[in-house]
């Protein structure tokens, strides 16, 4: 009831705010967690403008940032129940809702080359992953890249061998735990709000996060070394309510899907700029910055990928096995180009 009240109040506010505007044929409220300055929100506004223009005002997106419509779980359930039309959700928040999406936790899943990564994201692998949401009562429209995770530690990270014996904080994910086990390190699942203190007091030696998070949370203050590893892809999933989606004419569905996909290059540029700016700010401190070479990334993938993949397969059944089969076939073709 509390969740329904939250959505109902948001809907009432929206109606009141737009009472003097010409009503669209189809109105979708889209909730997400990021602030208005961040990449996800900036590009959702662009998508909204594109969709409105290309449908001559027939489809309107109303964007609600910063968790205005609830937690990510509440928004995802709202989309499932039809109380909310859409959400753009971090894949890391969806593993309990759809175990197949945890495939994105696997390290070095995507090549570092943006074009090759997009070939996988927008290819058969991405389509197969989106299709796994159909049985969960939502429609997966597309995947949006949202940056890369990097390693940081109070101990050296100059080679793959340096990871042995270190302790890293991770989210509570068996896949992430196994990626560190494969390196000879150990992983400790800790709440995000305990990371800074745990690094400061030596409960853990290191952690993995996007560069802008490392800056914003000041983790660099209690970390001597940062390895620009780009080992973990952060992805968003664009989810729509099936009844709303099915109510749209086919040409409007195409307009919406195309708009979300067309802004991906701009989205990547925006997110990369934010990460680069964060790295430049961190460089002003005493933190030692190590940029992983292609050779080092290859060595890390060779060690980490099989262990993380197997952890995923143990928990995802036939659906996960089919997804990995599609991925590995397509990855081999994309990497060879």
Protein backbone atom coordinates (compact mmCIF):
# COMPACT_ATOMS: atom_id res chain seq x y z
CA UNK A 1 0.00 0.00 0.00
CA UNK A 2 2.85 2.37 0.83
CA UNK A 3 4.41 1.74 -2.60
CA UNK A 4 1.10 2.30 -4.35
CA UNK A 5 0.59 5.54 -2.42
CA UNK A 6 4.02 6.78 -3.49
CA UNK A 7 3.26 6.17 -7.14
CA UNK A 8 -0.26 7.59 -6.82
CA UNK A 9 1.01 10.84 -5.27
CA UNK A 10 3.62 11.17 -8.00
CA UNK A 11 0.95 10.66 -10.62
CA UNK A 12 -1.32 13.29 -9.05
CA UNK A 13 1.57 15.78 -8.94
CA UNK A 14 2.31 15.09 -12.59
CA UNK A 15 -1.29 15.64 -13.63
CA UNK A 16 -1.48 18.89 -11.69
CA UNK A 17 1.78 20.17 -13.16
CA UNK A 18 0.70 19.41 -16.70
CA UNK A 19 -2.97 20.38 -16.50
CA UNK A 20 -2.51 23.27 -18.88
CA UNK A 21 -0.55 21.26 -21.44
CA UNK A 22 -2.01 19.42 -24.40
CA UNK A 23 -2.45 15.80 -23.38
CA UNK A 24 -0.38 13.19 -25.20
CA UNK A 25 -1.97 9.98 -26.43
CA UNK A 26 0.56 7.94 -24.44
CA UNK A 27 2.31 9.16 -21.30
CA UNK A 28 5.07 7.17 -19.62
CA UNK A 29 6.50 8.04 -16.24
CA UNK A 30 10.10 6.83 -16.05
CA UNK A 31 11.76 6.59 -12.64
CA UNK A 32 15.45 6.20 -11.87
CA UNK A 33 17.96 6.73 -9.05
CA UNK A 34 20.60 9.13 -10.38
CA UNK A 35 20.75 12.88 -9.82
CA UNK A 36 19.80 15.42 -12.47
CA UNK A 37 23.46 16.09 -13.32
CA UNK A 38 24.37 12.47 -13.94
CA UNK A 39 24.60 10.65 -17.25
CA UNK A 40 21.43 8.59 -16.97
CA UNK A 41 19.15 11.56 -16.34
CA UNK A 42 20.78 13.86 -18.90
CA UNK A 43 20.25 11.31 -21.65
CA UNK A 44 16.77 10.31 -20.55
CA UNK A 45 15.78 13.92 -21.13
CA UNK A 46 17.30 13.72 -24.62
CA UNK A 47 15.38 10.53 -25.35
CA UNK A 48 12.16 12.16 -24.12
CA UNK A 49 12.66 15.09 -26.50
CA UNK A 50 13.43 12.79 -29.43
CA UNK A 51 10.39 10.60 -28.81
CA UNK A 52 8.06 13.58 -28.43
CA UNK A 53 9.33 15.15 -31.64
CA UNK A 54 9.29 11.95 -33.70
CA UNK A 55 5.74 11.03 -32.62
CA UNK A 56 4.44 14.60 -33.10
CA UNK A 57 3.70 14.81 -29.39
CA UNK A 58 1.73 11.57 -29.24
CA UNK A 59 4.17 9.97 -26.78
CA UNK A 60 5.39 11.87 -23.74
CA UNK A 61 8.03 10.73 -21.24
CA UNK A 62 7.99 12.27 -17.77
CA UNK A 63 11.31 11.66 -16.02
CA UNK A 64 11.56 11.27 -12.24
CA UNK A 65 15.18 11.21 -10.98
CA UNK A 66 16.80 10.60 -7.59
CA UNK A 67 14.41 7.89 -6.42
CA UNK A 68 11.41 10.23 -6.36
CA UNK A 69 9.18 7.25 -7.13
CA UNK A 70 10.78 4.90 -4.61
CA UNK A 71 13.73 2.57 -4.28
CA UNK A 72 14.87 0.66 -7.35
CA UNK A 73 13.08 -2.42 -6.07
CA UNK A 74 9.86 -0.44 -5.64
CA UNK A 75 10.17 1.06 -9.11
CA UNK A 76 10.88 -2.32 -10.72
CA UNK A 77 7.87 -3.84 -8.96
CA UNK A 78 5.83 -0.80 -9.95
CA UNK A 79 6.66 -1.42 -13.61
CA UNK A 80 5.80 -5.09 -13.17
CA UNK A 81 2.42 -4.27 -11.58
CA UNK A 82 1.57 -1.49 -14.02
CA UNK A 83 1.66 1.30 -11.43
CA UNK A 84 4.64 2.80 -13.28
CA UNK A 85 5.26 2.71 -17.01
CA UNK A 86 9.06 2.40 -17.05
CA UNK A 87 12.32 2.53 -15.16
CA UNK A 88 15.99 2.63 -16.10
CA UNK A 89 17.60 0.32 -13.58
CA UNK A 90 21.21 -0.57 -12.79
CA UNK A 91 21.68 -4.23 -13.66
CA UNK A 92 23.35 -4.78 -10.28
CA UNK A 93 20.01 -4.08 -8.58
CA UNK A 94 18.12 -6.63 -10.68
CA UNK A 95 19.88 -9.94 -9.91
CA UNK A 96 17.27 -10.99 -7.35
CA UNK A 97 14.49 -10.09 -9.79
CA UNK A 98 16.09 -11.79 -12.81
CA UNK A 99 19.12 -14.01 -12.07
CA UNK A 100 20.14 -14.05 -15.75
CA UNK A 101 21.09 -10.35 -15.62
CA UNK A 102 23.92 -11.26 -13.22
CA UNK A 103 25.86 -12.30 -16.33
CA UNK A 104 26.86 -8.62 -16.43
CA UNK A 105 28.81 -9.10 -13.17
CA UNK A 106 31.32 -11.29 -15.01
CA UNK A 107 34.64 -9.42 -15.33
CA UNK A 108 35.89 -8.42 -18.78
CA UNK A 109 32.58 -9.44 -20.31
CA UNK A 110 32.89 -6.60 -22.82
CA UNK A 111 35.99 -5.58 -24.78
CA UNK A 112 37.39 -2.19 -23.76
CA UNK A 113 36.90 -0.91 -27.31
CA UNK A 114 33.52 0.95 -27.20
CA UNK A 115 32.51 -0.15 -30.71
CA UNK A 116 33.18 -3.82 -29.95
CA UNK A 117 31.40 -3.56 -26.60
CA UNK A 118 28.38 -2.04 -28.32
CA UNK A 119 28.43 -4.81 -30.93
CA UNK A 120 27.82 -7.27 -28.08
CA UNK A 121 25.39 -5.05 -26.20
CA UNK A 122 23.32 -4.40 -29.32
CA UNK A 123 23.83 -7.82 -30.89
CA UNK A 124 22.49 -11.31 -30.28
CA UNK A 125 23.87 -11.42 -26.73
CA UNK A 126 22.11 -8.20 -25.73
CA UNK A 127 18.87 -9.37 -27.34
CA UNK A 128 19.06 -12.74 -25.58
CA UNK A 129 19.64 -11.01 -22.23
CA UNK A 130 16.70 -8.63 -22.73
CA UNK A 131 14.43 -11.56 -23.64
CA UNK A 132 15.03 -13.11 -20.21
CA UNK A 133 12.95 -10.28 -18.71
CA UNK A 134 9.83 -11.36 -20.60
CA UNK A 135 9.03 -14.10 -18.09
CA UNK A 136 9.45 -11.61 -15.21
CA UNK A 137 6.49 -9.46 -16.20
CA UNK A 138 8.45 -6.59 -17.77
CA UNK A 139 9.74 -5.71 -21.24
CA UNK A 140 13.48 -5.17 -21.63
CA UNK A 141 13.83 -2.55 -24.37
CA UNK A 142 17.58 -1.99 -24.43
CA UNK A 143 20.83 -1.95 -22.43
CA UNK A 144 22.56 1.31 -21.60
CA UNK A 145 26.28 1.45 -20.71
CA UNK A 146 26.97 3.30 -17.47
CA UNK A 147 30.74 3.17 -17.00
CA UNK A 148 33.42 0.80 -15.78
CA UNK A 149 34.68 -0.47 -12.45
CA UNK A 150 38.35 -0.22 -11.48
CA UNK A 151 40.46 -1.73 -8.70
CA UNK A 152 41.94 0.16 -5.76
CA UNK A 153 44.00 -1.06 -2.81
CA UNK A 154 46.34 -0.03 -0.02
CA UNK A 155 48.73 -2.66 -1.38
CA UNK A 156 50.48 -2.79 -4.77
CA UNK A 157 48.46 -3.62 -7.91
CA UNK A 158 51.23 -3.63 -10.48
CA UNK A 159 50.66 -7.18 -11.74
CA UNK A 160 48.24 -10.07 -11.52
CA UNK A 161 50.51 -11.64 -8.92
CA UNK A 162 50.06 -8.65 -6.60
CA UNK A 163 46.44 -9.60 -5.89
CA UNK A 164 47.41 -12.74 -3.99
CA UNK A 165 46.59 -12.53 -0.30
CA UNK A 166 44.72 -9.24 -0.53
CA UNK A 167 41.19 -8.69 0.78
CA UNK A 168 38.67 -6.80 -1.37
CA UNK A 169 35.24 -5.46 -0.52
CA UNK A 170 32.51 -6.55 -2.95
CA UNK A 171 28.75 -6.39 -3.23
CA UNK A 172 27.07 -9.57 -2.08
CA UNK A 173 27.52 -11.52 -5.32
CA UNK A 174 28.99 -14.99 -5.69
CA UNK A 175 30.27 -14.02 -9.13
CA UNK A 176 32.25 -11.08 -7.72
CA UNK A 177 33.58 -13.21 -4.88
CA UNK A 178 34.84 -15.83 -7.33
CA UNK A 179 36.53 -13.23 -9.55
CA UNK A 180 38.79 -12.31 -6.61
CA UNK A 181 39.26 -15.91 -5.49
CA UNK A 182 40.57 -16.65 -8.98
CA UNK A 183 43.22 -13.95 -8.51
CA UNK A 184 44.35 -15.49 -5.23
CA UNK A 185 42.68 -12.70 -3.27
CA UNK A 186 39.69 -12.99 -0.97
CA UNK A 187 36.44 -11.05 -1.08
CA UNK A 188 34.37 -9.67 1.77
CA UNK A 189 30.75 -8.62 1.16
CA UNK A 190 30.16 -5.36 3.03
CA UNK A 191 27.46 -2.68 2.87
CA UNK A 192 28.44 0.33 0.76
CA UNK A 193 28.27 2.71 3.72
CA UNK A 194 30.97 0.68 5.52
CA UNK A 195 33.54 0.75 2.72
CA UNK A 196 35.44 3.92 3.69
CA UNK A 197 35.88 2.89 7.34
CA UNK A 198 36.77 -0.68 6.39
CA UNK A 199 39.54 0.58 4.10
CA UNK A 200 40.73 3.03 6.71
CA UNK A 201 40.94 0.43 9.48
CA UNK A 202 42.34 -2.40 7.35
CA UNK A 203 39.28 -4.66 7.50
CA UNK A 204 39.82 -4.88 3.74
CA UNK A 205 42.76 -3.85 1.58
CA UNK A 206 40.82 -2.73 -1.46
CA UNK A 207 37.60 -2.30 -3.38
CA UNK A 208 36.21 -1.99 -6.92
CA UNK A 209 34.14 0.94 -8.14
CA UNK A 210 33.74 3.44 -10.99
CA UNK A 211 36.25 6.30 -10.91
CA UNK A 212 33.63 8.96 -10.16
CA UNK A 213 32.41 6.90 -7.19
CA UNK A 214 35.98 6.54 -5.90
CA UNK A 215 36.24 10.34 -6.03
CA UNK A 216 32.76 11.17 -4.69
CA UNK A 217 33.05 8.77 -1.74
CA UNK A 218 36.66 9.86 -1.12
CA UNK A 219 37.89 6.27 -1.19
CA UNK A 220 41.15 7.55 -2.71
CA UNK A 221 41.90 9.17 0.66
CA UNK A 222 42.27 5.72 2.21
CA UNK A 223 43.73 3.90 -0.82
CA UNK A 224 47.38 4.10 -1.86
CA UNK A 225 46.93 2.56 -5.32
CA UNK A 226 44.35 2.67 -8.09
CA UNK A 227 44.52 0.27 -11.01
CA UNK A 228 42.64 1.60 -14.04
CA UNK A 229 41.52 -1.89 -14.96
CA UNK A 230 38.12 -1.37 -16.58
CA UNK A 231 37.31 -4.93 -15.61
CA UNK A 232 33.65 -4.53 -14.71
CA UNK A 233 30.95 -3.04 -16.91
CA UNK A 234 28.15 -1.10 -15.25
CA UNK A 235 25.02 -1.49 -17.34
CA UNK A 236 21.51 -0.09 -17.08
CA UNK A 237 18.43 -1.95 -18.28
CA UNK A 238 15.51 0.00 -19.77
CA UNK A 239 12.33 -1.73 -18.56
CA UNK A 240 8.74 -1.01 -19.61
CA UNK A 241 5.43 -2.30 -18.33
CA UNK A 242 4.10 -4.91 -20.81
CA UNK A 243 0.54 -3.53 -20.94
CA UNK A 244 1.78 -0.02 -21.69
CA UNK A 245 4.30 -1.32 -24.24
CA UNK A 246 1.72 -3.51 -25.97
CA UNK A 247 -0.70 -0.58 -26.16
CA UNK A 248 1.73 1.38 -28.34
CA UNK A 249 1.51 1.24 -32.14
CA UNK A 250 4.42 -0.64 -33.69
CA UNK A 251 5.90 2.54 -35.18
CA UNK A 252 6.01 4.19 -31.74
CA UNK A 253 7.78 1.19 -30.24
CA UNK A 254 10.39 1.54 -32.98
CA UNK A 255 10.76 5.27 -32.33
CA UNK A 256 11.30 4.66 -28.61
CA UNK A 257 13.77 1.81 -29.07
CA UNK A 258 15.71 3.72 -31.72
CA UNK A 259 15.89 6.84 -29.53
CA UNK A 260 17.31 4.92 -26.58
CA UNK A 261 19.91 3.29 -28.83
CA UNK A 262 20.84 6.42 -30.78
CA UNK A 263 22.00 8.32 -27.69
CA UNK A 264 24.35 5.55 -26.55
CA UNK A 265 27.48 7.11 -28.18
CA UNK A 266 26.69 10.44 -26.48
CA UNK A 267 25.99 8.64 -23.23
CA UNK A 268 29.37 6.88 -23.39
CA UNK A 269 31.14 10.17 -24.12
CA UNK A 270 29.39 11.86 -21.20
CA UNK A 271 30.17 9.05 -18.76
CA UNK A 272 33.78 8.76 -19.96
CA UNK A 273 34.29 12.50 -19.47
CA UNK A 274 32.97 12.24 -15.91
CA UNK A 275 35.32 9.33 -15.17
CA UNK A 276 38.30 11.12 -16.74
CA UNK A 277 37.57 14.27 -14.74
CA UNK A 278 37.39 12.19 -11.56
CA UNK A 279 40.73 10.55 -12.35
CA UNK A 280 42.37 13.93 -12.96
CA UNK A 281 41.09 15.14 -9.59
CA UNK A 282 42.37 12.01 -7.85
CA UNK A 283 45.79 12.52 -9.47
CA UNK A 284 46.15 15.70 -7.40
CA UNK A 285 46.42 13.49 -4.32
CA UNK A 286 49.26 11.15 -3.39
CA UNK A 287 47.44 8.14 -4.81
CA UNK A 288 49.54 5.97 -7.12
CA UNK A 289 47.73 5.52 -10.45
CA UNK A 290 48.51 2.42 -12.52
CA UNK A 291 46.93 2.07 -15.95
CA UNK A 292 46.51 -1.59 -16.85
CA UNK A 293 48.11 -2.47 -20.18
CA UNK A 294 46.26 -4.57 -22.74
CA UNK A 295 48.58 -7.41 -21.78
CA UNK A 296 47.65 -7.12 -18.10
CA UNK A 297 43.95 -6.92 -18.93
CA UNK A 298 44.31 -10.06 -21.02
CA UNK A 299 46.04 -11.87 -18.16
CA UNK A 300 43.35 -10.79 -15.71
CA UNK A 301 40.54 -11.89 -18.02
CA UNK A 302 42.18 -15.26 -18.59
CA UNK A 303 42.20 -15.87 -14.83
CA UNK A 304 38.97 -14.17 -13.76
CA UNK A 305 36.48 -14.89 -16.53
CA UNK A 306 36.24 -18.71 -16.25
CA UNK A 307 35.74 -18.68 -12.47
CA UNK A 308 33.13 -15.92 -12.58
CA UNK A 309 31.35 -17.54 -15.55
CA UNK A 310 31.14 -20.88 -13.74
CA UNK A 311 29.72 -19.16 -10.64
CA UNK A 312 27.06 -17.58 -12.85
CA UNK A 313 26.22 -20.90 -14.54
CA UNK A 314 25.79 -22.66 -11.19
CA UNK A 315 22.99 -20.24 -10.29
CA UNK A 316 21.27 -19.54 -13.58
CA UNK A 317 20.29 -22.96 -14.95
CA UNK A 318 19.50 -23.60 -18.59
CA UNK A 319 18.66 -19.96 -19.23
CA UNK A 320 22.13 -18.91 -18.09
CA UNK A 321 23.79 -21.68 -20.09
CA UNK A 322 21.99 -20.55 -23.25
CA UNK A 323 22.96 -16.96 -22.60
CA UNK A 324 26.65 -17.82 -22.13
CA UNK A 325 26.62 -19.92 -25.30
CA UNK A 326 25.29 -16.95 -27.30
CA UNK A 327 27.77 -14.61 -25.62
CA UNK A 328 30.89 -16.71 -26.14
CA UNK A 329 30.12 -17.32 -29.81
CA UNK A 330 29.51 -13.62 -30.43
CA UNK A 331 32.45 -12.47 -28.29
CA UNK A 332 34.83 -14.62 -30.33
CA UNK A 333 33.52 -13.10 -33.58
CA UNK A 334 33.63 -9.52 -32.26
CA UNK A 335 37.11 -9.89 -30.72
CA UNK A 336 38.48 -11.24 -34.02
CA UNK A 337 37.50 -8.08 -35.95
